[in-house]
Amino acid sequence: MSIDGTSGQRRERDEAAGDAWQAMYELVFEREGQQRLHEACDLTGLSPGVLKTLLQLTVDQPMAMRDLADRFHCDPSYVTSLVDGLESAGLAERRSHPTDRRVKMVALSPSGVDVLARVRKVLGEPPESFSALNVDELRRLRSLLVKLVERDEPRA
């Protein structure tokens, strides 16, 4: 195959990928995904930033606040304000690291575990737009999205 043919295929692939990403972006960030985020914020009384912090926490594993800052690519002082929001809502608590007291950890409270489950239920409800797809199309979409998720490396 000629270099021009390969270049043309690459451009076509890049254009198709861009179109697919734009459609996903619109669905998640501008339409139904954004609506769900606001529903979850209304349910919990949390701001979007504090809600996003809640979603990073797991039931059985406290997280170092500096790891949250790394994950969010932000200043640690901003994470402090986010965790303050979780604490004031009774959803999380700060703890010292078991082997390094200089490291502050954040852990879900029992109330935080319950609220996190409710938030995940709201966010996990399929959007209304999925009704435009039949069962086979939904299974294919799921398969393609799982393929993309599995290709992406998990966060540290």
C-alpha atoms as a PDB file:
ATOM      1  CA  MET A   1       0.000   0.000   0.000  1.00  0.00           C
ATOM      2  CA  SER A   2       1.256   3.475  -0.755  1.00  0.00           C
ATOM      3  CA  ILE A   3       2.075   6.041   1.855  1.00  0.00           C
ATOM      4  CA  ASP A   4      -0.853   8.154   0.610  1.00  0.00           C
ATOM      5  CA  GLY A   5      -3.266   5.215   1.140  1.00  0.00           C
ATOM      6  CA  THR A   6      -2.039   4.691   4.694  1.00  0.00           C
ATOM      7  CA  SER A   7      -2.229   8.417   5.372  1.00  0.00           C
ATOM      8  CA  GLY A   8      -5.776   8.531   4.010  1.00  0.00           C
ATOM      9  CA  GLN A   9      -6.837   5.598   6.180  1.00  0.00           C
ATOM     10  CA  ARG A  10      -5.279   7.277   9.202  1.00  0.00           C
ATOM     11  CA  ARG A  11      -7.180  10.511   8.511  1.00  0.00           C
ATOM     12  CA  GLU A  12     -10.432   8.572   8.048  1.00  0.00           C
ATOM     13  CA  ARG A  13      -9.853   6.688  11.308  1.00  0.00           C
ATOM     14  CA  ASP A  14      -8.980   9.896  13.163  1.00  0.00           C
ATOM     15  CA  GLU A  15     -12.109  11.611  11.819  1.00  0.00           C
ATOM     16  CA  ALA A  16     -14.337   8.674  12.823  1.00  0.00           C
ATOM     17  CA  ALA A  17     -12.712   8.554  16.275  1.00  0.00           C
ATOM     18  CA  GLY A  18     -13.228  12.296  16.691  1.00  0.00           C
ATOM     19  CA  ASP A  19     -16.877  12.007  15.697  1.00  0.00           C
ATOM     20  CA  ALA A  20     -17.435   9.112  18.128  1.00  0.00           C
ATOM     21  CA  TRP A  21     -15.709  10.959  20.967  1.00  0.00           C
ATOM     22  CA  GLN A  22     -17.719  14.125  20.282  1.00  0.00           C
ATOM     23  CA  ALA A  23     -20.978  12.158  20.446  1.00  0.00           C
ATOM     24  CA  MET A  24     -19.944  10.526  23.738  1.00  0.00           C
ATOM     25  CA  TYR A  25     -18.830  13.897  25.112  1.00  0.00           C
ATOM     26  CA  GLU A  26     -22.151  15.496  24.212  1.00  0.00           C
ATOM     27  CA  LEU A  27     -24.160  12.673  25.791  1.00  0.00           C
ATOM     28  CA  VAL A  28     -22.128  12.555  29.008  1.00  0.00           C
ATOM     29  CA  PHE A  29     -21.056  16.161  29.581  1.00  0.00           C
ATOM     30  CA  GLU A  30     -23.705  18.254  27.895  1.00  0.00           C
ATOM     31  CA  ARG A  31     -26.922  16.298  28.103  1.00  0.00           C
ATOM     32  CA  GLU A  32     -28.027  13.308  30.124  1.00  0.00           C
ATOM     33  CA  GLY A  33     -24.804  12.735  32.023  1.00  0.00           C
ATOM     34  CA  GLN A  34     -24.774  16.353  33.163  1.00  0.00           C
ATOM     35  CA  GLN A  35     -28.427  16.081  34.139  1.00  0.00           C
ATOM     36  CA  ARG A  36     -27.648  12.981  36.230  1.00  0.00           C
ATOM     37  CA  LEU A  37     -24.789  14.774  37.952  1.00  0.00           C
ATOM     38  CA  HIS A  38     -27.148  17.581  38.949  1.00  0.00           C
ATOM     39  CA  GLU A  39     -29.720  15.048  40.170  1.00  0.00           C
ATOM     40  CA  ALA A  40     -27.048  13.458  42.362  1.00  0.00           C
ATOM     41  CA  CYS A  41     -26.000  16.885  43.659  1.00  0.00           C
ATOM     42  CA  ASP A  42     -29.628  17.697  44.474  1.00  0.00           C
ATOM     43  CA  LEU A  43     -30.039  14.334  46.218  1.00  0.00           C
ATOM     44  CA  THR A  44     -26.994  14.863  48.413  1.00  0.00           C
ATOM     45  CA  GLY A  45     -26.853  18.629  48.757  1.00  0.00           C
ATOM     46  CA  LEU A  46     -23.216  18.478  47.598  1.00  0.00           C
ATOM     47  CA  SER A  47     -21.501  20.649  45.018  1.00  0.00           C
ATOM     48  CA  PRO A  48     -20.223  18.871  41.892  1.00  0.00           C
ATOM     49  CA  GLY A  49     -16.607  19.028  43.136  1.00  0.00           C
ATOM     50  CA  VAL A  50     -17.449  17.512  46.509  1.00  0.00           C
ATOM     51  CA  LEU A  51     -19.624  14.872  44.830  1.00  0.00           C
ATOM     52  CA  LYS A  52     -16.752  13.971  42.497  1.00  0.00           C
ATOM     53  CA  THR A  53     -14.546  13.548  45.568  1.00  0.00           C
ATOM     54  CA  LEU A  54     -17.118  11.244  47.148  1.00  0.00           C
ATOM     55  CA  LEU A  55     -17.116   9.130  43.977  1.00  0.00           C
ATOM     56  CA  GLN A  56     -13.354   8.597  44.254  1.00  0.00           C
ATOM     57  CA  LEU A  57     -13.641   6.955  47.667  1.00  0.00           C
ATOM     58  CA  THR A  58     -14.189   3.258  48.229  1.00  0.00           C
ATOM     59  CA  VAL A  59     -16.034   1.580  51.041  1.00  0.00           C
ATOM     60  CA  ASP A  60     -13.137  -0.496  52.329  1.00  0.00           C
ATOM     61  CA  GLN A  61     -10.051   1.592  51.562  1.00  0.00           C
ATOM     62  CA  PRO A  62      -9.249   5.066  52.913  1.00  0.00           C
ATOM     63  CA  MET A  63      -7.429   7.279  50.414  1.00  0.00           C
ATOM     64  CA  ALA A  64      -4.498   9.596  51.035  1.00  0.00           C
ATOM     65  CA  MET A  65      -5.517  13.182  50.419  1.00  0.00           C
ATOM     66  CA  ARG A  66      -2.373  13.736  48.352  1.00  0.00           C
ATOM     67  CA  ASP A  67      -3.505  10.851  46.094  1.00  0.00           C
ATOM     68  CA  LEU A  68      -6.776  12.701  45.536  1.00  0.00           C
ATOM     69  CA  ALA A  69      -4.803  15.824  44.618  1.00  0.00           C
ATOM     70  CA  ASP A  70      -2.737  13.778  42.166  1.00  0.00           C
ATOM     71  CA  ARG A  71      -5.853  12.200  40.667  1.00  0.00           C
ATOM     72  CA  PHE A  72      -7.549  15.582  40.258  1.00  0.00           C
ATOM     73  CA  HIS A  73      -4.331  17.287  39.115  1.00  0.00           C
ATOM     74  CA  CYS A  74      -4.914  20.054  41.622  1.00  0.00           C
ATOM     75  CA  ASP A  75      -3.332  21.771  44.577  1.00  0.00           C
ATOM     76  CA  PRO A  76      -3.620  19.833  47.861  1.00  0.00           C
ATOM     77  CA  SER A  77      -5.289  22.851  49.488  1.00  0.00           C
ATOM     78  CA  TYR A  78      -8.218  22.426  47.087  1.00  0.00           C
ATOM     79  CA  VAL A  79      -8.571  18.787  48.158  1.00  0.00           C
ATOM     80  CA  THR A  80      -8.627  20.009  51.756  1.00  0.00           C
ATOM     81  CA  SER A  81     -11.662  22.168  50.946  1.00  0.00           C
ATOM     82  CA  LEU A  82     -13.371  19.266  49.140  1.00  0.00           C
ATOM     83  CA  VAL A  83     -12.807  16.929  52.087  1.00  0.00           C
ATOM     84  CA  ASP A  84     -14.048  19.683  54.417  1.00  0.00           C
ATOM     85  CA  GLY A  85     -17.300  19.552  52.420  1.00  0.00           C
ATOM     86  CA  LEU A  86     -17.567  15.792  52.845  1.00  0.00           C
ATOM     87  CA  GLU A  87     -16.804  16.046  56.560  1.00  0.00           C
ATOM     88  CA  SER A  88     -19.318  18.822  57.177  1.00  0.00           C
ATOM     89  CA  ALA A  89     -21.977  16.684  55.469  1.00  0.00           C
ATOM     90  CA  GLY A  90     -21.025  13.753  57.733  1.00  0.00           C
ATOM     91  CA  LEU A  91     -19.975  11.610  54.750  1.00  0.00           C
ATOM     92  CA  ALA A  92     -16.261  11.192  55.439  1.00  0.00           C
ATOM     93  CA  GLU A  93     -13.635  11.640  58.097  1.00  0.00           C
ATOM     94  CA  ARG A  94      -9.939  12.361  58.122  1.00  0.00           C
ATOM     95  CA  ARG A  95      -7.610   9.779  59.623  1.00  0.00           C
ATOM     96  CA  SER A  96      -3.896   9.471  60.088  1.00  0.00           C
ATOM     97  CA  HIS A  97      -2.060   6.967  57.920  1.00  0.00           C
ATOM     98  CA  PRO A  98      -1.370   3.788  59.937  1.00  0.00           C
ATOM     99  CA  THR A  99       2.414   3.965  59.441  1.00  0.00           C
ATOM    100  CA  ASP A 100       3.032   7.636  58.606  1.00  0.00           C
ATOM    101  CA  ARG A 101       1.150  10.096  60.775  1.00  0.00           C
ATOM    102  CA  ARG A 102       2.154  12.961  58.432  1.00  0.00           C
ATOM    103  CA  VAL A 103      -0.125  11.530  55.746  1.00  0.00           C
ATOM    104  CA  LYS A 104      -3.788  12.416  56.061  1.00  0.00           C
ATOM    105  CA  MET A 105      -6.277   9.863  54.823  1.00  0.00           C
ATOM    106  CA  VAL A 106      -9.953  10.313  54.039  1.00  0.00           C
ATOM    107  CA  ALA A 107     -12.410   7.504  54.717  1.00  0.00           C
ATOM    108  CA  LEU A 108     -16.124   7.168  54.160  1.00  0.00           C
ATOM    109  CA  SER A 109     -18.332   7.343  57.234  1.00  0.00           C
ATOM    110  CA  PRO A 110     -21.254   4.897  57.536  1.00  0.00           C
ATOM    111  CA  SER A 111     -23.508   7.674  56.245  1.00  0.00           C
ATOM    112  CA  GLY A 112     -21.048   8.253  53.384  1.00  0.00           C
ATOM    113  CA  VAL A 113     -21.296   4.591  52.394  1.00  0.00           C
ATOM    114  CA  ASP A 114     -25.097   4.884  52.178  1.00  0.00           C
ATOM    115  CA  VAL A 115     -25.027   8.161  50.256  1.00  0.00           C
ATOM    116  CA  LEU A 116     -22.377   6.836  47.852  1.00  0.00           C
ATOM    117  CA  ALA A 117     -24.614   3.843  47.067  1.00  0.00           C
ATOM    118  CA  ARG A 118     -27.567   6.162  46.347  1.00  0.00           C
ATOM    119  CA  VAL A 119     -25.420   8.416  44.160  1.00  0.00           C
ATOM    120  CA  ARG A 120     -24.103   5.446  42.179  1.00  0.00           C
ATOM    121  CA  LYS A 121     -27.692   4.286  41.658  1.00  0.00           C
ATOM    122  CA  VAL A 122     -28.705   7.695  40.255  1.00  0.00           C
ATOM    123  CA  LEU A 123     -25.613   7.949  38.053  1.00  0.00           C
ATOM    124  CA  GLY A 124     -25.904   4.305  36.942  1.00  0.00           C
ATOM    125  CA  GLU A 125     -29.444   4.569  35.638  1.00  0.00           C
ATOM    126  CA  PRO A 126     -29.359   4.262  31.826  1.00  0.00           C
ATOM    127  CA  PRO A 127     -30.170   7.517  30.073  1.00  0.00           C
ATOM    128  CA  GLU A 128     -33.457   7.917  28.241  1.00  0.00           C
ATOM    129  CA  SER A 129     -31.608   8.221  24.941  1.00  0.00           C
ATOM    130  CA  PHE A 130     -30.686   4.529  25.183  1.00  0.00           C
ATOM    131  CA  SER A 131     -34.309   3.732  24.376  1.00  0.00           C
ATOM    132  CA  ALA A 132     -33.434   4.608  20.762  1.00  0.00           C
ATOM    133  CA  LEU A 133     -31.357   1.399  20.608  1.00  0.00           C
ATOM    134  CA  ASN A 134     -32.634  -2.176  20.432  1.00  0.00           C
ATOM    135  CA  VAL A 135     -31.220  -4.929  22.639  1.00  0.00           C
ATOM    136  CA  ASP A 136     -28.642  -6.064  20.070  1.00  0.00           C
ATOM    137  CA  GLU A 137     -27.435  -2.486  19.596  1.00  0.00           C
ATOM    138  CA  LEU A 138     -27.183  -1.992  23.357  1.00  0.00           C
ATOM    139  CA  ARG A 139     -25.145  -5.186  23.694  1.00  0.00           C
ATOM    140  CA  ARG A 140     -22.831  -4.051  20.892  1.00  0.00           C
ATOM    141  CA  LEU A 141     -22.447  -0.630  22.479  1.00  0.00           C
ATOM    142  CA  ARG A 142     -21.643  -2.265  25.819  1.00  0.00           C
ATOM    143  CA  SER A 143     -19.093  -4.537  24.159  1.00  0.00           C
ATOM    144  CA  LEU A 144     -17.370  -1.631  22.414  1.00  0.00           C
ATOM    145  CA  LEU A 145     -17.293   0.508  25.549  1.00  0.00           C
ATOM    146  CA  VAL A 146     -15.936  -2.378  27.653  1.00  0.00           C
ATOM    147  CA  LYS A 147     -13.205  -2.841  25.046  1.00  0.00           C
ATOM    148  CA  LEU A 148     -12.236   0.821  25.437  1.00  0.00           C
ATOM    149  CA  VAL A 149     -12.340   0.684  29.237  1.00  0.00           C
ATOM    150  CA  GLU A 150     -10.231  -2.462  29.356  1.00  0.00           C
ATOM    151  CA  ARG A 151      -7.665  -0.921  26.997  1.00  0.00           C
ATOM    152  CA  ASP A 152      -7.263   2.109  29.254  1.00  0.00           C
ATOM    153  CA  GLU A 153      -4.873   1.514  32.130  1.00  0.00           C
ATOM    154  CA  PRO A 154      -6.363   1.841  35.604  1.00  0.00           C
ATOM    155  CA  ARG A 155      -5.460   4.968  37.552  1.00  0.00           C
ATOM    156  CA  ALA A 156      -2.730   4.743  40.150  1.00  0.00           C
END
